[in-house]
C-alpha atoms as a PDB file:
ATOM      1  CA  MET A   1    -242.784 105.559 191.738  1.00  0.00           C
ATOM      2  CA  LYS A   2    -240.307 104.618 189.015  1.00  0.00           C
ATOM      3  CA  TYR A   3    -242.268 106.426 186.315  1.00  0.00           C
ATOM      4  CA  THR A   4    -242.533 109.568 188.428  1.00  0.00           C
ATOM      5  CA  GLN A   5    -238.753 109.697 188.666  1.00  0.00           C
ATOM      6  CA  ILE A   6    -238.474 109.340 184.895  1.00  0.00           C
ATOM      7  CA  GLY A   7    -240.874 112.267 184.447  1.00  0.00           C
ATOM      8  CA  PHE A   8    -238.891 114.454 186.834  1.00  0.00           C
ATOM      9  CA  GLN A   9    -235.661 113.452 185.125  1.00  0.00           C
ATOM     10  CA  MET A  10    -237.082 114.440 181.735  1.00  0.00           C
ATOM     11  CA  ALA A  11    -238.358 117.765 183.075  1.00  0.00           C
ATOM     12  CA  ILE A  12    -234.997 118.628 184.631  1.00  0.00           C
ATOM     13  CA  ILE A  13    -233.030 117.743 181.478  1.00  0.00           C
ATOM     14  CA  ILE A  14    -235.319 119.785 179.227  1.00  0.00           C
ATOM     15  CA  THR A  15    -235.369 122.738 181.644  1.00  0.00           C
ATOM     16  CA  LEU A  16    -231.573 122.782 181.836  1.00  0.00           C
ATOM     17  CA  GLY A  17    -231.350 122.677 178.035  1.00  0.00           C
ATOM     18  CA  VAL A  18    -233.709 125.618 177.602  1.00  0.00           C
ATOM     19  CA  PHE A  19    -232.064 127.614 180.397  1.00  0.00           C
ATOM     20  CA  GLY A  20    -228.586 126.948 178.982  1.00  0.00           C
ATOM     21  CA  GLY A  21    -229.705 127.970 175.505  1.00  0.00           C
ATOM     22  CA  LYS A  22    -231.169 131.225 176.778  1.00  0.00           C
ATOM     23  CA  LYS A  23    -227.992 132.009 178.687  1.00  0.00           C
ATOM     24  CA  LEU A  24    -225.826 131.339 175.611  1.00  0.00           C
ATOM     25  CA  ASP A  25    -228.077 133.485 173.417  1.00  0.00           C
ATOM     26  CA  ALA A  26    -227.817 136.321 175.928  1.00  0.00           C
ATOM     27  CA  TYR A  27    -224.055 135.906 176.251  1.00  0.00           C
ATOM     28  CA  PHE A  28    -223.441 136.034 172.492  1.00  0.00           C
ATOM     29  CA  GLN A  29    -226.188 138.678 172.023  1.00  0.00           C
ATOM     30  CA  LEU A  30    -227.845 136.871 169.141  1.00  0.00           C
ATOM     31  CA  GLN A  31    -230.911 138.311 167.416  1.00  0.00           C
ATOM     32  CA  ALA A  32    -232.498 134.884 166.862  1.00  0.00           C
ATOM     33  CA  PRO A  33    -232.680 132.292 169.661  1.00  0.00           C
ATOM     34  CA  VAL A  34    -230.350 129.858 167.912  1.00  0.00           C
ATOM     35  CA  PHE A  35    -228.830 128.229 170.987  1.00  0.00           C
ATOM     36  CA  THR A  36    -232.200 128.022 172.719  1.00  0.00           C
ATOM     37  CA  ILE A  37    -233.699 126.112 169.808  1.00  0.00           C
ATOM     38  CA  ILE A  38    -230.707 123.806 169.347  1.00  0.00           C
ATOM     39  CA  LEU A  39    -230.261 122.998 173.029  1.00  0.00           C
ATOM     40  CA  SER A  40    -234.017 122.583 173.533  1.00  0.00           C
ATOM     41  CA  LEU A  41    -234.269 120.013 170.768  1.00  0.00           C
ATOM     42  CA  LEU A  42    -231.087 118.281 171.898  1.00  0.00           C
ATOM     43  CA  SER A  43    -232.291 118.083 175.499  1.00  0.00           C
ATOM     44  CA  ILE A  44    -235.652 116.679 174.384  1.00  0.00           C
ATOM     45  CA  ALA A  45    -233.859 113.995 172.371  1.00  0.00           C
ATOM     46  CA  ILE A  46    -231.616 113.117 175.333  1.00  0.00           C
ATOM     47  CA  ALA A  47    -234.568 113.020 177.744  1.00  0.00           C
ATOM     48  CA  LEU A  48    -236.571 110.775 175.420  1.00  0.00           C
ATOM     49  CA  TYR A  49    -233.595 108.474 174.891  1.00  0.00           C
ATOM     50  CA  LEU A  50    -233.043 108.059 178.626  1.00  0.00           C
ATOM     51  CA  ALA A  51    -236.748 107.541 179.323  1.00  0.00           C
ATOM     52  CA  LEU A  52    -237.199 104.966 176.566  1.00  0.00           C
ATOM     53  CA  LYS A  53    -234.020 103.195 177.621  1.00  0.00           C
ATOM     54  CA  ASP A  54    -235.458 102.840 181.132  1.00  0.00           C
ATOM     55  CA  PHE A  55    -238.798 101.617 179.767  1.00  0.00           C
ATOM     56  CA  ILE A  56    -237.304  99.022 177.447  1.00  0.00           C
ATOM     57  CA  PHE A  57    -234.394  97.936 179.652  1.00  0.00           C
ATOM     58  CA  PRO A  58    -235.382  98.640 183.270  1.00  0.00           C
ATOM     59  CA  PRO A  59    -232.469  98.907 185.711  1.00  0.00           C
ATOM     60  CA  ARG A  60    -231.876  95.813 187.790  1.00  0.00           C
ATOM     61  CA  ASN A  61    -231.832  96.191 191.559  1.00  0.00           C
END
């Protein structure tokens, strides 16, 4: 159950990063998807950090 929550958490973080990048690219009317690429990579790094942190140091209940 714990690992399923980590997977959902990662998926939500990455989805929000991609969606936010697309919205910023559309707002600034950029030719190249600069914000989409940057926010996608940043959200992947954040999701991996949080997942690995939970694997290495599980929360105490």
